[in-house]
Amino acid sequence: YSCVKDKPQDILKNTISINSDGKVLVINE
């Protein structure tokens, strides 16, 4: 944790609906 950082990535806002067809939820610990 002290030496590795995530690469920044843009987060899409308000472009995907939870009700849209083909959605997948990914569970992240």
PDB file of all heavy atoms in Angstrom:
ATOM      1  N   TYR A   1       0.801  -1.214   0.000  1.00  0.00           N
ATOM      2  CA  TYR A   1       0.000   0.000   0.000  1.00  0.00           C
ATOM      3  C   TYR A   1       0.842   1.276   0.000  1.00  0.00           C
ATOM      4  O   TYR A   1       0.469   2.279  -0.584  1.00  0.00           O
ATOM      5  CB  TYR A   1      -0.952   0.021   1.207  1.00  0.00           C
ATOM      6  CG  TYR A   1      -1.988   1.090   1.098  1.00  0.00           C
ATOM      7  CD1 TYR A   1      -3.000   0.992   0.143  1.00  0.00           C
ATOM      8  CD2 TYR A   1      -1.944   2.212   1.922  1.00  0.00           C
ATOM      9  CE1 TYR A   1      -3.952   1.971   0.024  1.00  0.00           C
ATOM     10  CE2 TYR A   1      -2.894   3.201   1.805  1.00  0.00           C
ATOM     11  CZ  TYR A   1      -3.903   3.074   0.855  1.00  0.00           C
ATOM     12  OH  TYR A   1      -4.836   4.058   0.740  1.00  0.00           O
ATOM     13  N   SER A   2       2.007   1.243   0.664  1.00  0.00           N
ATOM     14  CA  SER A   2       2.814   2.449   0.776  1.00  0.00           C
ATOM     15  C   SER A   2       3.587   2.787  -0.489  1.00  0.00           C
ATOM     16  O   SER A   2       4.084   3.888  -0.636  1.00  0.00           O
ATOM     17  CB  SER A   2       3.803   2.305   1.939  1.00  0.00           C
ATOM     18  OG  SER A   2       4.679   1.224   1.686  1.00  0.00           O
ATOM     19  N   CYS A   3       3.664   1.824  -1.422  1.00  0.00           N
ATOM     20  CA  CYS A   3       4.525   2.087  -2.579  1.00  0.00           C
ATOM     21  C   CYS A   3       3.814   1.983  -3.915  1.00  0.00           C
ATOM     22  O   CYS A   3       4.397   2.294  -4.944  1.00  0.00           O
ATOM     23  CB  CYS A   3       5.721   1.134  -2.573  1.00  0.00           C
ATOM     24  SG  CYS A   3       5.249  -0.606  -2.603  1.00  0.00           S
ATOM     25  N   VAL A   4       2.560   1.557  -3.958  1.00  0.00           N
ATOM     26  CA  VAL A   4       1.862   1.407  -5.231  1.00  0.00           C
ATOM     27  C   VAL A   4       0.623   2.269  -5.227  1.00  0.00           C
ATOM     28  O   VAL A   4      -0.147   2.249  -4.283  1.00  0.00           O
ATOM     29  CB  VAL A   4       1.453  -0.070  -5.482  1.00  0.00           C
ATOM     30  CG1 VAL A   4       0.746  -0.188  -6.825  1.00  0.00           C
ATOM     31  CG2 VAL A   4       2.675  -0.961  -5.447  1.00  0.00           C
ATOM     32  N   LYS A   5       0.411   3.030  -6.277  1.00  0.00           N
ATOM     33  CA  LYS A   5      -0.761   3.874  -6.374  1.00  0.00           C
ATOM     34  C   LYS A   5      -1.549   3.514  -7.624  1.00  0.00           C
ATOM     35  O   LYS A   5      -1.004   3.081  -8.626  1.00  0.00           O
ATOM     36  CB  LYS A   5      -0.365   5.339  -6.431  1.00  0.00           C
ATOM     37  CG  LYS A   5       0.306   5.834  -5.146  1.00  0.00           C
ATOM     38  CD  LYS A   5       0.624   7.305  -5.232  1.00  0.00           C
ATOM     39  CE  LYS A   5       1.276   7.800  -3.945  1.00  0.00           C
ATOM     40  NZ  LYS A   5       1.612   9.239  -4.020  1.00  0.00           N
ATOM     41  N   ASP A   6      -2.878   3.712  -7.533  1.00  0.00           N
ATOM     42  CA  ASP A   6      -3.723   3.453  -8.690  1.00  0.00           C
ATOM     43  C   ASP A   6      -3.497   4.524  -9.750  1.00  0.00           C
ATOM     44  O   ASP A   6      -3.247   5.688  -9.444  1.00  0.00           O
ATOM     45  CB  ASP A   6      -5.209   3.485  -8.290  1.00  0.00           C
ATOM     46  CG  ASP A   6      -5.549   2.353  -7.345  1.00  0.00           C
ATOM     47  OD1 ASP A   6      -4.938   1.304  -7.493  1.00  0.00           O
ATOM     48  OD2 ASP A   6      -6.401   2.561  -6.470  1.00  0.00           O
ATOM     49  N   LYS A   7      -3.625   4.132 -10.977  1.00  0.00           N
ATOM     50  CA  LYS A   7      -3.620   5.098 -12.042  1.00  0.00           C
ATOM     51  C   LYS A   7      -4.972   5.813 -12.047  1.00  0.00           C
ATOM     52  O   LYS A   7      -6.009   5.189 -11.891  1.00  0.00           O
ATOM     53  CB  LYS A   7      -3.412   4.395 -13.388  1.00  0.00           C
ATOM     54  CG  LYS A   7      -2.053   3.746 -13.526  1.00  0.00           C
ATOM     55  CD  LYS A   7      -1.925   3.068 -14.874  1.00  0.00           C
ATOM     56  CE  LYS A   7      -0.561   2.415 -15.035  1.00  0.00           C
ATOM     57  NZ  LYS A   7      -0.433   1.729 -16.324  1.00  0.00           N
ATOM     58  N   PRO A   8      -4.978   7.114 -12.224  1.00  0.00           N
ATOM     59  CA  PRO A   8      -6.257   7.817 -12.233  1.00  0.00           C
ATOM     60  C   PRO A   8      -7.104   7.383 -13.417  1.00  0.00           C
ATOM     61  O   PRO A   8      -6.601   7.125 -14.502  1.00  0.00           O
ATOM     62  CB  PRO A   8      -5.848   9.291 -12.347  1.00  0.00           C
ATOM     63  CG  PRO A   8      -4.493   9.258 -12.975  1.00  0.00           C
ATOM     64  CD  PRO A   8      -3.842   8.015 -12.452  1.00  0.00           C
ATOM     65  N   GLN A   9      -8.410   7.323 -13.209  1.00  0.00           N
ATOM     66  CA  GLN A   9      -9.305   6.941 -14.293  1.00  0.00           C
ATOM     67  C   GLN A   9     -10.588   7.737 -14.144  1.00  0.00           C
ATOM     68  O   GLN A   9     -11.121   7.905 -13.055  1.00  0.00           O
ATOM     69  CB  GLN A   9      -9.622   5.448 -14.244  1.00  0.00           C
ATOM     70  CG  GLN A   9     -10.586   5.012 -15.344  1.00  0.00           C
ATOM     71  CD  GLN A   9     -10.692   3.511 -15.417  1.00  0.00           C
ATOM     72  OE1 GLN A   9      -9.769   2.803 -15.054  1.00  0.00           O
ATOM     73  NE2 GLN A   9     -11.822   3.028 -15.892  1.00  0.00           N
ATOM     74  N   ASP A  10     -11.086   8.275 -15.224  1.00  0.00           N
ATOM     75  CA  ASP A  10     -12.308   9.062 -15.178  1.00  0.00           C
ATOM     76  C   ASP A  10     -13.474   8.167 -14.813  1.00  0.00           C
ATOM     77  O   ASP A  10     -13.601   7.052 -15.305  1.00  0.00           O
ATOM     78  CB  ASP A  10     -12.584   9.715 -16.537  1.00  0.00           C
ATOM     79  CG  ASP A  10     -11.558  10.775 -16.876  1.00  0.00           C
ATOM     80  OD1 ASP A  10     -10.964  11.327 -15.935  1.00  0.00           O
ATOM     81  OD2 ASP A  10     -11.353  11.026 -18.080  1.00  0.00           O
ATOM     82  N   ILE A  11     -14.335   8.683 -13.945  1.00  0.00           N
ATOM     83  CA  ILE A  11     -15.534   7.951 -13.550  1.00  0.00           C
ATOM     84  C   ILE A  11     -16.721   8.534 -14.300  1.00  0.00           C
ATOM     85  O   ILE A  11     -16.981   9.739 -14.234  1.00  0.00           O
ATOM     86  CB  ILE A  11     -15.764   8.043 -12.036  1.00  0.00           C
ATOM     87  CG1 ILE A  11     -14.602   7.358 -11.305  1.00  0.00           C
ATOM     88  CG2 ILE A  11     -17.078   7.407 -11.636  1.00  0.00           C
ATOM     89  CD1 ILE A  11     -14.713   7.426  -9.800  1.00  0.00           C
ATOM     90  N   LEU A  12     -17.434   7.708 -15.013  1.00  0.00           N
ATOM     91  CA  LEU A  12     -18.584   8.159 -15.771  1.00  0.00           C
ATOM     92  C   LEU A  12     -19.736   8.441 -14.823  1.00  0.00           C
ATOM     93  O   LEU A  12     -20.089   7.601 -14.006  1.00  0.00           O
ATOM     94  CB  LEU A  12     -18.987   7.087 -16.791  1.00  0.00           C
ATOM     95  CG  LEU A  12     -17.918   6.755 -17.831  1.00  0.00           C
ATOM     96  CD1 LEU A  12     -18.321   5.524 -18.602  1.00  0.00           C
ATOM     97  CD2 LEU A  12     -17.738   7.920 -18.777  1.00  0.00           C
ATOM     98  N   LYS A  13     -20.313   9.608 -14.921  1.00  0.00           N
ATOM     99  CA  LYS A  13     -21.411   9.978 -14.046  1.00  0.00           C
ATOM    100  C   LYS A  13     -22.688  10.154 -14.865  1.00  0.00           C
ATOM    101  O   LYS A  13     -22.692  10.786 -15.910  1.00  0.00           O
ATOM    102  CB  LYS A  13     -21.095  11.275 -13.286  1.00  0.00           C
ATOM    103  CG  LYS A  13     -19.991  11.115 -12.238  1.00  0.00           C
ATOM    104  CD  LYS A  13     -19.788  12.414 -11.507  1.00  0.00           C
ATOM    105  CE  LYS A  13     -18.751  12.257 -10.400  1.00  0.00           C
ATOM    106  NZ  LYS A  13     -19.200  11.404  -9.318  1.00  0.00           N
ATOM    107  N   ASN A  14     -23.756   9.568 -14.338  1.00  0.00           N
ATOM    108  CA  ASN A  14     -25.082   9.740 -14.919  1.00  0.00           C
ATOM    109  C   ASN A  14     -25.168   9.274 -16.368  1.00  0.00           C
ATOM    110  O   ASN A  14     -25.969   9.782 -17.145  1.00  0.00           O
ATOM    111  CB  ASN A  14     -25.513  11.220 -14.826  1.00  0.00           C
ATOM    112  CG  ASN A  14     -25.510  11.726 -13.393  1.00  0.00           C
ATOM    113  OD1 ASN A  14     -25.951  11.035 -12.496  1.00  0.00           O
ATOM    114  ND2 ASN A  14     -25.000  12.934 -13.200  1.00  0.00           N
ATOM    115  N   THR A  15     -24.337   8.347 -16.747  1.00  0.00           N
ATOM    116  CA  THR A  15     -24.386   7.826 -18.114  1.00  0.00           C
ATOM    117  C   THR A  15     -24.860   6.387 -18.153  1.00  0.00           C
ATOM    118  O   THR A  15     -25.195   5.885 -19.214  1.00  0.00           O
ATOM    119  CB  THR A  15     -23.001   7.909 -18.783  1.00  0.00           C
ATOM    120  OG1 THR A  15     -22.065   7.165 -17.985  1.00  0.00           O
ATOM    121  CG2 THR A  15     -22.538   9.349 -18.888  1.00  0.00           C
ATOM    122  N   ILE A  16     -24.870   5.713 -17.008  1.00  0.00           N
ATOM    123  CA  ILE A  16     -25.307   4.322 -16.949  1.00  0.00           C
ATOM    124  C   ILE A  16     -26.441   4.215 -15.946  1.00  0.00           C
ATOM    125  O   ILE A  16     -26.329   4.685 -14.816  1.00  0.00           O
ATOM    126  CB  ILE A  16     -24.168   3.381 -16.524  1.00  0.00           C
ATOM    127  CG1 ILE A  16     -22.945   3.574 -17.417  1.00  0.00           C
ATOM    128  CG2 ILE A  16     -24.621   1.933 -16.588  1.00  0.00           C
ATOM    129  CD1 ILE A  16     -21.748   2.757 -16.977  1.00  0.00           C
ATOM    130  N   SER A  17     -27.510   3.576 -16.346  1.00  0.00           N
ATOM    131  CA  SER A  17     -28.645   3.367 -15.448  1.00  0.00           C
ATOM    132  C   SER A  17     -28.583   1.973 -14.853  1.00  0.00           C
ATOM    133  O   SER A  17     -28.249   1.003 -15.534  1.00  0.00           O
ATOM    134  CB  SER A  17     -29.964   3.543 -16.211  1.00  0.00           C
ATOM    135  OG  SER A  17     -31.056   3.091 -15.442  1.00  0.00           O
ATOM    136  N   ILE A  18     -28.921   1.859 -13.570  1.00  0.00           N
ATOM    137  CA  ILE A  18     -28.974   0.559 -12.910  1.00  0.00           C
ATOM    138  C   ILE A  18     -30.042  -0.313 -13.552  1.00  0.00           C
ATOM    139  O   ILE A  18     -30.013  -1.535 -13.443  1.00  0.00           O
ATOM    140  CB  ILE A  18     -29.258   0.739 -11.397  1.00  0.00           C
ATOM    141  CG1 ILE A  18     -29.116  -0.584 -10.638  1.00  0.00           C
ATOM    142  CG2 ILE A  18     -30.626   1.345 -11.167  1.00  0.00           C
ATOM    143  CD1 ILE A  18     -27.714  -1.092 -10.549  1.00  0.00           C
ATOM    144  N   ASN A  19     -30.993   0.310 -14.270  1.00  0.00           N
ATOM    145  CA  ASN A  19     -32.077  -0.430 -14.902  1.00  0.00           C
ATOM    146  C   ASN A  19     -31.823  -0.750 -16.368  1.00  0.00           C
ATOM    147  O   ASN A  19     -32.670  -1.335 -17.025  1.00  0.00           O
ATOM    148  CB  ASN A  19     -33.389   0.372 -14.775  1.00  0.00           C
ATOM    149  CG  ASN A  19     -33.769   0.608 -13.328  1.00  0.00           C
ATOM    150  OD1 ASN A  19     -33.905  -0.325 -12.565  1.00  0.00           O
ATOM    151  ND2 ASN A  19     -33.923   1.874 -12.951  1.00  0.00           N
ATOM    152  N   SER A  20     -30.674  -0.344 -16.883  1.00  0.00           N
ATOM    153  CA  SER A  20     -30.387  -0.605 -18.288  1.00  0.00           C
ATOM    154  C   SER A  20     -30.133  -2.084 -18.528  1.00  0.00           C
ATOM    155  O   SER A  20     -29.674  -2.812 -17.651  1.00  0.00           O
ATOM    156  CB  SER A  20     -29.165   0.207 -18.735  1.00  0.00           C
ATOM    157  OG  SER A  20     -28.020  -0.194 -18.013  1.00  0.00           O
ATOM    158  N   ASP A  21     -30.464  -2.523 -19.720  1.00  0.00           N
ATOM    159  CA  ASP A  21     -30.282  -3.929 -20.063  1.00  0.00           C
ATOM    160  C   ASP A  21     -28.795  -4.262 -20.158  1.00  0.00           C
ATOM    161  O   ASP A  21     -28.014  -3.489 -20.713  1.00  0.00           O
ATOM    162  CB  ASP A  21     -30.960  -4.226 -21.407  1.00  0.00           C
ATOM    163  CG  ASP A  21     -30.935  -5.705 -21.750  1.00  0.00           C
ATOM    164  OD1 ASP A  21     -31.245  -6.527 -20.864  1.00  0.00           O
ATOM    165  OD2 ASP A  21     -30.586  -6.047 -22.894  1.00  0.00           O
ATOM    166  N   GLY A  22     -28.409  -5.379 -19.590  1.00  0.00           N
ATOM    167  CA  GLY A  22     -27.025  -5.810 -19.687  1.00  0.00           C
ATOM    168  C   GLY A  22     -26.110  -5.275 -18.620  1.00  0.00           C
ATOM    169  O   GLY A  22     -24.886  -5.335 -18.756  1.00  0.00           O
ATOM    170  N   LYS A  23     -26.682  -4.722 -17.553  1.00  0.00           N
ATOM    171  CA  LYS A  23     -25.825  -4.187 -16.494  1.00  0.00           C
ATOM    172  C   LYS A  23     -25.254  -5.319 -15.642  1.00  0.00           C
ATOM    173  O   LYS A  23     -25.851  -6.375 -15.479  1.00  0.00           O
ATOM    174  CB  LYS A  23     -26.588  -3.208 -15.607  1.00  0.00           C
ATOM    175  CG  LYS A  23     -27.684  -3.840 -14.769  1.00  0.00           C
ATOM    176  CD  LYS A  23     -28.399  -2.795 -13.937  1.00  0.00           C
ATOM    177  CE  LYS A  23     -29.495  -3.418 -13.085  1.00  0.00           C
ATOM    178  NZ  LYS A  23     -30.572  -4.045 -13.839  1.00  0.00           N
ATOM    179  N   VAL A  24     -24.070  -5.072 -15.080  1.00  0.00           N
ATOM    180  CA  VAL A  24     -23.385  -6.023 -14.212  1.00  0.00           C
ATOM    181  C   VAL A  24     -22.839  -5.261 -13.007  1.00  0.00           C
ATOM    182  O   VAL A  24     -22.172  -4.230 -13.172  1.00  0.00           O
ATOM    183  CB  VAL A  24     -22.215  -6.723 -14.945  1.00  0.00           C
ATOM    184  CG1 VAL A  24     -21.505  -7.695 -14.009  1.00  0.00           C
ATOM    185  CG2 VAL A  24     -22.717  -7.448 -16.189  1.00  0.00           C
ATOM    186  N   LEU A  25     -23.129  -5.737 -11.822  1.00  0.00           N
ATOM    187  CA  LEU A  25     -22.547  -5.163 -10.620  1.00  0.00           C
ATOM    188  C   LEU A  25     -21.296  -5.953 -10.255  1.00  0.00           C
ATOM    189  O   LEU A  25     -21.309  -7.177 -10.246  1.00  0.00           O
ATOM    190  CB  LEU A  25     -23.541  -5.213  -9.454  1.00  0.00           C
ATOM    191  CG  LEU A  25     -24.822  -4.383  -9.596  1.00  0.00           C
ATOM    192  CD1 LEU A  25     -25.690  -4.568  -8.362  1.00  0.00           C
ATOM    193  CD2 LEU A  25     -24.504  -2.912  -9.808  1.00  0.00           C
ATOM    194  N   VAL A  26     -20.226  -5.240  -9.958  1.00  0.00           N
ATOM    195  CA  VAL A  26     -18.965  -5.860  -9.543  1.00  0.00           C
ATOM    196  C   VAL A  26     -18.756  -5.546  -8.069  1.00  0.00           C
ATOM    197  O   VAL A  26     -18.767  -4.381  -7.661  1.00  0.00           O
ATOM    198  CB  VAL A  26     -17.776  -5.338 -10.368  1.00  0.00           C
ATOM    199  CG1 VAL A  26     -16.502  -6.088  -9.980  1.00  0.00           C
ATOM    200  CG2 VAL A  26     -18.047  -5.463 -11.859  1.00  0.00           C
ATOM    201  N   ILE A  27     -18.556  -6.578  -7.263  1.00  0.00           N
ATOM    202  CA  ILE A  27     -18.364  -6.416  -5.825  1.00  0.00           C
ATOM    203  C   ILE A  27     -16.875  -6.272  -5.539  1.00  0.00           C
ATOM    204  O   ILE A  27     -16.078  -7.153  -5.855  1.00  0.00           O
ATOM    205  CB  ILE A  27     -18.928  -7.630  -5.052  1.00  0.00           C
ATOM    206  CG1 ILE A  27     -20.353  -7.953  -5.527  1.00  0.00           C
ATOM    207  CG2 ILE A  27     -18.888  -7.368  -3.556  1.00  0.00           C
ATOM    208  CD1 ILE A  27     -21.307  -6.791  -5.466  1.00  0.00           C
ATOM    209  N   ASN A  28     -16.512  -5.138  -4.918  1.00  0.00           N
ATOM    210  CA  ASN A  28     -15.107  -4.833  -4.636  1.00  0.00           C
ATOM    211  C   ASN A  28     -14.880  -4.748  -3.131  1.00  0.00           C
ATOM    212  O   ASN A  28     -15.456  -3.882  -2.466  1.00  0.00           O
ATOM    213  CB  ASN A  28     -14.716  -3.500  -5.277  1.00  0.00           C
ATOM    214  CG  ASN A  28     -15.100  -3.421  -6.750  1.00  0.00           C
ATOM    215  OD1 ASN A  28     -14.685  -4.234  -7.556  1.00  0.00           O
ATOM    216  ND2 ASN A  28     -15.912  -2.432  -7.084  1.00  0.00           N
ATOM    217  N   GLU A  29     -14.054  -5.626  -2.602  1.00  0.00           N
ATOM    218  CA  GLU A  29     -13.797  -5.627  -1.162  1.00  0.00           C
ATOM    219  C   GLU A  29     -13.208  -4.312  -0.680  1.00  0.00           C
ATOM    220  O   GLU A  29     -13.547  -3.809   0.387  1.00  0.00           O
ATOM    221  CB  GLU A  29     -12.849  -6.779  -0.802  1.00  0.00           C
ATOM    222  CG  GLU A  29     -13.460  -8.153  -1.006  1.00  0.00           C
ATOM    223  CD  GLU A  29     -12.468  -9.256  -0.725  1.00  0.00           C
ATOM    224  OE1 GLU A  29     -11.395  -8.954  -0.162  1.00  0.00           O
ATOM    225  OE2 GLU A  29     -12.764 -10.408  -1.061  1.00  0.00           O
TER     226      GLU A  29
END
